[in-house]
Amino acid sequence: MNARTGLEPTAMSVAGSNVIDSADQVTPVVLAAMSRAPSPRLREIMASLVRHAHDFARETRLTEEEWEAGITFLNRIGKATHDRHNEGVLFSDAVGFSTLVCLLNNGNAGATETASALLGPFWRANSPRTPNGGSIVRSETQGPVLFVEARVTDPGRRPLAGVEVDVWQSSPVGLYENQDSDQADMNLRGKFTTDEDGRTSFRSVKPAGYPVPTDGPVGELLRAQGRHEFRPAHLHFLCFKPGMKTLITQVFVDDDERLHSDVVFGVTSHLIGDFRLRGPAEPPPAPDVSGKWYSLRCDFVMEPGEAKLPVPPIA
């Protein structure tokens, strides 16, 4: 009852009013208020977000304390994000949202194009340009030597020349160079260009699996859920060429023990590579290599489309 008038409240007694008297009125009032947005896509996205978020609160009977904890968690994600680490992307990865968006937008994978994969929180846009056949090992890095040969074609298997192939990986100790003061800047990163046959090659070390950062809110979430924090070993590739749809993908080491339990749900069967162990009897591509070494051959297929680069998650 209204204390001033002595009358029972009535919902939406004034057209367009934001006065709300019950939980059932909240969602339609909010949707009506947002319906004036000039962008149709913004109206669609925000209306769906509000409906699902409000339904989530109703379904779980969310308490005020739980709402406060959730807001605090989101605020801490923002505070933990900086030029060298992106906690927001890590959270999206850890709940499978990044992989879902990737697969929704790259649904032809396995049919006409190479399977896409999430970008991850460690891509840097300014990797050094490196000649084909060059090394991305830029500081002392222990680990088995790896030689990679890659070929990029269109859906008709015609070679694509001039494709910019950006490569990045963690070191065998499980850290990207921006996380590790013992590595030189841009260690295990490089940007190559395919030749007339669509080929490029480079030298590296075999990557290792690694834990995602767990010193922030995402780490707390993983511990609360009883989940491990490890990713299986992999190489990242980003292929860019005007007139072709940008391809972001990963190639996973086939003998990694965590292929079936990736903490960010990023493994698909199409992304498992053939990392071949070579013996001393097989001559390596470089004369300074002795003993065992690894080789990897990758075939990437790009489709015609819009060439655009993602926003770098770190500087």
Protein backbone atom coordinates (compact mmCIF):
# COMPACT_ATOMS: atom_id res chain seq x y z
CA MET A 1 0.00 0.00 0.00
CA ASN A 2 1.26 3.46 -0.84
CA ALA A 3 2.02 5.29 2.42
CA ARG A 4 1.02 8.66 1.00
CA THR A 5 -2.20 7.75 -0.81
CA GLY A 6 -3.40 4.70 1.06
CA LEU A 7 -3.99 2.95 -2.28
CA GLU A 8 -2.74 -0.45 -3.46
CA PRO A 9 0.02 -0.06 -6.10
CA THR A 10 -0.79 -0.92 -9.67
CA ALA A 11 1.86 -1.98 -12.15
CA MET A 12 2.72 0.47 -14.92
CA SER A 13 -0.10 2.84 -13.99
CA VAL A 14 1.67 5.44 -16.14
CA ALA A 15 2.64 4.43 -19.67
CA GLY A 16 6.40 4.13 -19.99
CA SER A 17 6.96 4.40 -16.24
CA ASN A 18 9.99 2.71 -14.68
CA VAL A 19 8.23 2.40 -11.32
CA ILE A 20 8.41 -1.28 -10.31
CA ASP A 21 6.33 -2.85 -7.56
CA SER A 22 7.10 -6.60 -7.91
CA ALA A 23 9.79 -8.97 -9.18
CA ASP A 24 7.58 -10.00 -12.11
CA GLN A 25 7.57 -6.44 -13.43
CA VAL A 26 11.35 -5.97 -13.56
CA THR A 27 12.17 -7.73 -16.83
CA PRO A 28 9.46 -6.20 -19.06
CA VAL A 29 10.14 -2.70 -17.70
CA VAL A 30 13.89 -3.02 -18.37
CA LEU A 31 13.28 -4.44 -21.86
CA ALA A 32 10.91 -1.59 -22.68
CA ALA A 33 13.44 1.00 -21.51
CA MET A 34 16.19 -0.48 -23.69
CA SER A 35 13.99 -0.91 -26.76
CA ARG A 36 14.68 2.64 -27.88
CA ALA A 37 18.32 1.90 -28.78
CA PRO A 38 18.85 2.95 -32.43
CA SER A 39 21.01 -0.08 -33.25
CA PRO A 40 18.90 -3.19 -34.01
CA ARG A 41 21.81 -5.49 -33.15
CA LEU A 42 22.37 -3.78 -29.81
CA ARG A 43 18.65 -4.11 -29.03
CA GLU A 44 18.76 -7.82 -29.90
CA ILE A 45 21.88 -8.59 -27.85
CA MET A 46 20.90 -6.59 -24.78
CA ALA A 47 17.32 -7.88 -24.74
CA SER A 48 18.55 -11.47 -24.85
CA LEU A 49 21.19 -10.77 -22.19
CA VAL A 50 18.64 -9.23 -19.84
CA ARG A 51 16.12 -12.04 -20.33
CA HIS A 52 18.70 -14.77 -19.71
CA ALA A 53 20.33 -12.97 -16.78
CA HIS A 54 16.99 -12.30 -15.12
CA ASP A 55 15.89 -15.91 -15.70
CA PHE A 56 19.19 -17.09 -14.18
CA ALA A 57 18.51 -15.06 -11.03
CA ARG A 58 14.97 -16.42 -10.77
CA GLU A 59 15.98 -20.04 -11.47
CA THR A 60 18.73 -20.06 -8.85
CA ARG A 61 16.85 -17.86 -6.37
CA LEU A 62 19.98 -15.71 -6.22
CA THR A 63 20.58 -14.19 -2.81
CA GLU A 64 21.80 -10.65 -2.26
CA GLU A 65 25.03 -12.02 -0.78
CA GLU A 66 25.60 -14.17 -3.88
CA TRP A 67 24.90 -11.21 -6.15
CA GLU A 68 27.43 -9.13 -4.23
CA ALA A 69 30.00 -11.94 -4.50
CA GLY A 70 29.42 -12.11 -8.26
CA ILE A 71 29.86 -8.35 -8.73
CA THR A 72 33.03 -8.47 -6.62
CA PHE A 73 34.33 -11.34 -8.78
CA LEU A 74 33.76 -9.34 -11.97
CA ASN A 75 35.41 -6.28 -10.46
CA ARG A 76 38.44 -8.35 -9.48
CA ILE A 77 38.72 -9.69 -13.04
CA GLY A 78 38.98 -6.11 -14.26
CA LYS A 79 41.57 -5.19 -11.65
CA ALA A 80 43.67 -8.27 -12.50
CA THR A 81 43.83 -7.32 -16.20
CA HIS A 82 46.77 -5.28 -17.45
CA ASP A 83 49.15 -5.00 -20.42
CA ARG A 84 50.83 -8.34 -19.65
CA HIS A 85 47.82 -10.38 -18.55
CA ASN A 86 44.14 -10.52 -19.51
CA GLU A 87 42.06 -12.09 -16.75
CA GLY A 88 38.84 -11.35 -18.65
CA VAL A 89 39.84 -13.49 -21.62
CA LEU A 90 41.08 -16.18 -19.22
CA PHE A 91 37.70 -16.26 -17.49
CA SER A 92 35.88 -16.51 -20.84
CA ASP A 93 38.22 -19.37 -21.80
CA ALA A 94 37.83 -21.22 -18.49
CA VAL A 95 34.03 -21.37 -18.73
CA GLY A 96 34.08 -22.49 -22.38
CA PHE A 97 32.60 -19.23 -23.67
CA SER A 98 35.53 -18.41 -25.95
CA THR A 99 35.45 -21.83 -27.60
CA LEU A 100 31.66 -21.63 -28.01
CA VAL A 101 31.85 -18.26 -29.78
CA CYS A 102 34.73 -19.53 -31.94
CA LEU A 103 32.84 -22.63 -33.08
CA LEU A 104 29.58 -20.73 -33.64
CA ASN A 105 31.41 -18.38 -36.01
CA ASN A 106 33.50 -21.03 -37.76
CA GLY A 107 30.99 -23.79 -38.31
CA ASN A 108 32.49 -25.14 -41.55
CA ALA A 109 35.65 -26.38 -39.85
CA GLY A 110 36.55 -29.84 -41.07
CA ALA A 111 34.58 -29.37 -44.30
CA THR A 112 36.22 -26.61 -46.30
CA GLU A 113 38.51 -24.77 -43.88
CA THR A 114 40.95 -25.58 -41.12
CA ALA A 115 39.34 -25.94 -37.72
CA SER A 116 39.54 -22.68 -35.82
CA ALA A 117 40.45 -22.33 -32.17
CA LEU A 118 40.30 -19.68 -29.51
CA LEU A 119 42.86 -16.88 -29.62
CA GLY A 120 43.80 -17.21 -25.97
CA PRO A 121 45.12 -14.50 -23.63
CA PHE A 122 48.75 -14.41 -24.85
CA TRP A 123 48.68 -13.21 -28.47
CA ARG A 124 50.75 -10.09 -29.17
CA ALA A 125 50.19 -8.17 -32.40
CA ASN A 126 53.76 -7.05 -32.95
CA SER A 127 55.69 -10.32 -33.28
CA PRO A 128 58.98 -9.86 -35.18
CA ARG A 129 58.95 -10.63 -38.88
CA THR A 130 61.14 -13.65 -39.51
CA PRO A 131 62.41 -15.12 -42.81
CA ASN A 132 61.08 -18.50 -43.88
CA GLY A 133 63.18 -21.24 -42.34
CA GLY A 134 64.25 -18.93 -39.51
CA SER A 135 64.12 -19.64 -35.80
CA ILE A 136 61.70 -18.21 -33.26
CA VAL A 137 64.06 -19.19 -30.42
CA ARG A 138 65.38 -15.77 -29.38
CA SER A 139 67.02 -16.66 -26.07
CA GLU A 140 68.49 -19.79 -24.53
CA THR A 141 65.60 -22.24 -24.41
CA GLN A 142 66.13 -25.83 -23.38
CA GLY A 143 63.99 -28.50 -25.01
CA PRO A 144 63.76 -30.86 -27.98
CA VAL A 145 64.36 -29.12 -31.31
CA LEU A 146 61.25 -28.83 -33.49
CA PHE A 147 61.13 -28.08 -37.23
CA VAL A 148 57.75 -26.99 -38.58
CA GLU A 149 56.64 -26.93 -42.21
CA ALA A 150 53.31 -25.28 -42.99
CA ARG A 151 51.33 -24.84 -46.19
CA VAL A 152 48.32 -22.56 -46.68
CA THR A 153 45.76 -23.12 -49.46
CA ASP A 154 42.27 -22.02 -50.42
CA PRO A 155 39.31 -24.46 -50.29
CA GLY A 156 40.26 -25.70 -53.77
CA ARG A 157 43.70 -26.62 -52.42
CA ARG A 158 45.34 -23.90 -54.49
CA PRO A 159 48.37 -22.41 -52.73
CA LEU A 160 48.00 -19.00 -51.15
CA ALA A 161 51.07 -16.80 -51.43
CA GLY A 162 51.65 -13.77 -49.23
CA VAL A 163 49.79 -15.09 -46.20
CA GLU A 164 51.07 -13.61 -42.96
CA VAL A 165 51.49 -16.52 -40.56
CA ASP A 166 51.85 -15.40 -36.94
CA VAL A 167 53.19 -18.07 -34.58
CA TRP A 168 53.48 -18.11 -30.79
CA GLN A 169 53.97 -20.77 -28.12
CA SER A 170 54.99 -21.36 -24.53
CA SER A 171 58.47 -22.53 -23.64
CA PRO A 172 59.19 -26.08 -22.42
CA VAL A 173 58.95 -24.77 -18.85
CA GLY A 174 55.31 -23.90 -19.54
CA LEU A 175 55.54 -20.10 -19.68
CA TYR A 176 55.07 -17.54 -22.44
CA GLU A 177 57.89 -15.03 -22.63
CA ASN A 178 55.75 -12.20 -21.25
CA GLN A 179 55.33 -14.29 -18.07
CA ASP A 180 58.99 -15.22 -17.69
CA SER A 181 61.83 -12.80 -16.94
CA ASP A 182 64.37 -15.46 -17.99
CA GLN A 183 63.19 -15.29 -21.61
CA ALA A 184 64.03 -12.55 -24.08
CA ASP A 185 61.23 -10.33 -25.30
CA MET A 186 59.37 -12.04 -28.16
CA ASN A 187 61.01 -15.40 -27.52
CA LEU A 188 59.09 -18.17 -29.29
CA ARG A 189 57.11 -15.69 -31.39
CA GLY A 190 57.47 -14.93 -35.07
CA LYS A 191 55.65 -13.68 -38.14
CA PHE A 192 56.27 -15.41 -41.47
CA THR A 193 55.03 -14.96 -45.05
CA THR A 194 54.10 -17.85 -47.34
CA ASP A 195 55.93 -18.22 -50.66
CA GLU A 196 54.43 -18.78 -54.11
CA ASP A 197 53.65 -22.38 -53.18
CA GLY A 198 51.87 -21.28 -50.02
CA ARG A 199 54.65 -22.65 -47.82
CA THR A 200 56.58 -21.43 -44.83
CA SER A 201 58.80 -23.12 -42.27
CA PHE A 202 60.52 -22.33 -39.01
CA ARG A 203 62.60 -23.76 -36.19
CA SER A 204 61.50 -23.87 -32.57
CA VAL A 205 61.44 -26.20 -29.59
CA LYS A 206 58.71 -28.69 -28.81
CA PRO A 207 56.12 -26.90 -26.64
CA ALA A 208 55.03 -28.19 -23.26
CA GLY A 209 51.71 -28.11 -21.50
CA TYR A 210 51.31 -25.41 -18.91
CA PRO A 211 49.04 -24.12 -16.16
CA VAL A 212 46.93 -21.06 -16.82
CA PRO A 213 47.56 -18.29 -14.27
CA THR A 214 45.84 -19.15 -11.00
CA ASP A 215 46.81 -16.23 -8.76
CA GLY A 216 43.62 -14.32 -9.59
CA PRO A 217 39.85 -14.83 -9.42
CA VAL A 218 39.85 -17.43 -12.22
CA GLY A 219 42.27 -19.57 -10.22
CA GLU A 220 39.96 -19.35 -7.22
CA LEU A 221 37.05 -20.45 -9.40
CA LEU A 222 38.96 -23.47 -10.70
CA ARG A 223 39.92 -24.53 -7.18
CA ALA A 224 36.33 -24.12 -5.98
CA GLN A 225 35.17 -26.38 -8.83
CA GLY A 226 37.85 -29.02 -8.20
CA ARG A 227 39.36 -28.54 -11.67
CA HIS A 228 43.00 -28.66 -12.71
CA GLU A 229 44.55 -25.60 -14.36
CA PHE A 230 46.51 -27.18 -17.23
CA ARG A 231 46.42 -26.78 -20.99
CA PRO A 232 47.87 -29.48 -23.25
CA ALA A 233 50.98 -28.50 -25.26
CA HIS A 234 50.25 -26.62 -28.48
CA LEU A 235 51.39 -24.12 -31.08
CA HIS A 236 49.29 -21.06 -31.96
CA PHE A 237 48.84 -19.91 -35.56
CA LEU A 238 47.13 -16.82 -36.96
CA CYS A 239 46.91 -16.64 -40.77
CA PHE A 240 46.08 -13.28 -42.33
CA LYS A 241 45.68 -12.28 -45.98
CA PRO A 242 43.48 -9.57 -47.54
CA GLY A 243 40.45 -11.13 -49.20
CA MET A 244 40.57 -14.25 -47.01
CA LYS A 245 38.84 -14.92 -43.71
CA THR A 246 41.41 -14.63 -40.93
CA LEU A 247 42.25 -18.07 -39.52
CA ILE A 248 43.10 -18.43 -35.84
CA THR A 249 43.96 -21.95 -34.79
CA GLN A 250 46.12 -24.18 -32.60
CA VAL A 251 47.97 -27.44 -33.23
CA PHE A 252 48.17 -29.74 -30.21
CA VAL A 253 50.95 -32.19 -29.36
CA ASP A 254 49.46 -35.62 -29.96
CA ASP A 255 50.99 -37.40 -26.97
CA ASP A 256 50.04 -34.86 -24.31
CA GLU A 257 48.33 -36.45 -21.32
CA ARG A 258 45.82 -33.62 -20.98
CA LEU A 259 44.40 -33.62 -24.50
CA HIS A 260 41.08 -34.80 -23.09
CA SER A 261 40.94 -32.43 -20.10
CA ASP A 262 42.01 -29.02 -21.43
CA VAL A 263 41.07 -26.45 -18.80
CA VAL A 264 39.78 -24.03 -21.48
CA PHE A 265 37.98 -26.66 -23.60
CA GLY A 266 40.03 -25.73 -26.69
CA VAL A 267 40.85 -29.14 -28.19
CA THR A 268 38.97 -30.58 -31.16
CA SER A 269 40.01 -33.72 -33.03
CA HIS A 270 40.94 -31.65 -36.10
CA LEU A 271 43.53 -29.72 -34.11
CA ILE A 272 45.69 -32.64 -32.94
CA GLY A 273 48.98 -32.58 -34.83
CA ASP A 274 51.48 -35.24 -35.81
CA PHE A 275 54.63 -34.36 -33.86
CA ARG A 276 57.06 -36.95 -35.19
CA LEU A 277 60.11 -37.95 -33.18
CA ARG A 278 63.10 -38.32 -35.45
CA GLY A 279 66.16 -40.39 -34.61
CA PRO A 280 69.87 -39.64 -34.99
CA ALA A 281 69.90 -41.60 -38.26
CA GLU A 282 67.54 -39.07 -39.87
CA PRO A 283 69.44 -35.93 -40.92
CA PRO A 284 67.84 -32.79 -39.39
CA PRO A 285 67.31 -29.63 -41.43
CA ALA A 286 70.10 -27.84 -39.51
CA PRO A 287 73.70 -29.05 -39.10
CA ASP A 288 73.97 -28.01 -35.43
CA VAL A 289 71.27 -30.48 -34.33
CA SER A 290 72.34 -33.85 -33.00
CA GLY A 291 70.41 -36.63 -31.36
CA LYS A 292 66.62 -36.74 -31.35
CA TRP A 293 64.48 -33.99 -32.83
CA TYR A 294 60.85 -33.45 -33.85
CA SER A 295 59.09 -32.49 -37.06
CA LEU A 296 55.59 -31.20 -37.69
CA ARG A 297 53.77 -30.61 -40.96
CA CYS A 298 50.65 -28.44 -41.00
CA ASP A 299 48.17 -27.83 -43.80
CA PHE A 300 45.93 -24.82 -43.33
CA VAL A 301 42.91 -24.01 -45.49
CA MET A 302 41.58 -20.45 -45.59
CA GLU A 303 38.23 -19.38 -47.00
CA PRO A 304 37.43 -16.19 -48.90
CA GLY A 305 36.05 -13.56 -46.55
CA GLU A 306 36.86 -10.57 -44.43
CA ALA A 307 40.46 -10.17 -43.32
CA LYS A 308 40.52 -8.58 -39.89
CA LEU A 309 42.79 -8.92 -36.91
CA PRO A 310 41.52 -9.45 -33.36
CA VAL A 311 42.10 -6.97 -30.57
CA PRO A 312 45.35 -8.00 -28.84
CA PRO A 313 44.57 -9.26 -25.31
CA ILE A 314 48.01 -8.06 -24.12
CA ALA A 315 50.50 -5.45 -25.34
